[in-house]
Amino acid sequence: VANMVFPGAVHSRFEHSLGVYWLAAQAVHTLHNRHCMELDIDNFDMTTVKLAGLLHDVGHGPFSHLFENEFLPRVLNGSKW
């Protein structure tokens, strides 16, 4: 549906991960610039947050959220996953 609203829009996992990386970088840089002294954010912390954004979906298989909602409750009796 996004491509109907935004012609040419694509949304693969790769592009999603790049977008989350960018947003994480913006957030951690803003925190660093505004609250550096009180939060003690260093370059290692900023790199870690950016890498977490980039790699947050690694390991997801196809239809992985369907797996969480349909398969796991059947395997784990009574689970409210």
Protein backbone atom coordinates (compact mmCIF):
# COMPACT_ATOMS: atom_id res chain seq x y z
CA VAL A 1 0.00 0.00 0.00
CA ALA A 2 2.90 2.38 0.70
CA ASN A 3 3.85 2.41 -2.98
CA MET A 4 0.35 3.75 -3.79
CA VAL A 5 0.80 6.67 -1.40
CA PHE A 6 4.50 7.18 -2.13
CA PRO A 7 5.18 6.14 -5.76
CA GLY A 8 8.44 4.30 -6.03
CA ALA A 9 8.48 3.44 -2.33
CA VAL A 10 9.96 0.09 -1.44
CA HIS A 11 10.31 -1.53 1.94
CA SER A 12 12.56 -4.54 2.11
CA ARG A 13 14.21 -5.72 5.30
CA PHE A 14 17.46 -4.24 4.06
CA GLU A 15 15.91 -0.80 3.60
CA HIS A 16 14.07 -1.13 6.91
CA SER A 17 17.35 -1.89 8.70
CA LEU A 18 19.07 1.08 7.06
CA GLY A 19 16.22 3.31 8.16
CA VAL A 20 16.35 2.05 11.74
CA TYR A 21 20.13 2.54 11.71
CA TRP A 22 19.64 6.15 10.60
CA LEU A 23 16.95 6.83 13.21
CA ALA A 24 19.06 5.24 15.96
CA ALA A 25 22.03 7.37 14.91
CA GLN A 26 19.91 10.54 14.98
CA ALA A 27 18.52 9.65 18.42
CA VAL A 28 21.87 8.81 20.01
CA HIS A 29 23.56 11.88 18.50
CA THR A 30 20.76 14.09 19.84
CA LEU A 31 21.09 12.54 23.30
CA HIS A 32 24.85 12.96 23.15
CA ASN A 33 24.65 16.60 22.09
CA ARG A 34 21.99 17.59 24.61
CA HIS A 35 22.79 15.38 27.61
CA CYS A 36 26.40 14.28 27.18
CA MET A 37 27.55 15.18 30.67
CA GLU A 38 24.65 13.63 32.58
CA LEU A 39 24.33 10.48 30.45
CA ASP A 40 28.08 9.92 29.87
CA ILE A 41 27.56 8.81 26.26
CA ASP A 42 30.85 8.08 24.51
CA ASN A 43 31.74 6.99 20.97
CA PHE A 44 31.50 3.31 21.90
CA ASP A 45 27.93 3.82 23.14
CA MET A 46 26.97 5.68 19.97
CA THR A 47 28.45 2.97 17.76
CA THR A 48 26.69 0.27 19.78
CA VAL A 49 23.29 1.95 19.42
CA LYS A 50 23.77 2.41 15.67
CA LEU A 51 24.83 -1.23 15.20
CA ALA A 52 21.86 -2.40 17.27
CA GLY A 53 19.57 -0.47 14.92
CA LEU A 54 21.25 -1.91 11.84
CA LEU A 55 21.25 -5.51 13.07
CA HIS A 56 17.98 -5.62 15.01
CA ASP A 57 16.24 -7.88 12.46
CA VAL A 58 19.11 -10.29 11.80
CA GLY A 59 17.85 -13.81 12.26
CA HIS A 60 14.26 -13.13 11.27
CA GLY A 61 13.03 -15.69 8.81
CA PRO A 62 10.27 -15.15 6.27
CA PHE A 63 6.89 -14.55 7.90
CA SER A 64 8.61 -14.58 11.29
CA HIS A 65 5.86 -12.62 13.05
CA LEU A 66 3.32 -15.14 11.82
CA PHE A 67 5.55 -17.76 13.45
CA GLU A 68 5.40 -15.89 16.76
CA ASN A 69 1.61 -15.50 16.74
CA GLU A 70 0.51 -18.82 15.24
CA PHE A 71 3.16 -21.46 15.83
CA LEU A 72 4.54 -20.74 19.28
CA PRO A 73 1.19 -20.74 21.12
CA ARG A 74 0.47 -24.18 19.61
CA VAL A 75 3.82 -25.54 20.75
CA LEU A 76 3.83 -23.86 24.16
CA ASN A 77 0.50 -24.89 25.67
CA GLY A 78 -1.18 -21.99 27.44
CA SER A 79 1.50 -19.52 26.39
CA LYS A 80 0.39 -15.92 25.84
CA TRP A 81 3.41 -15.09 23.64
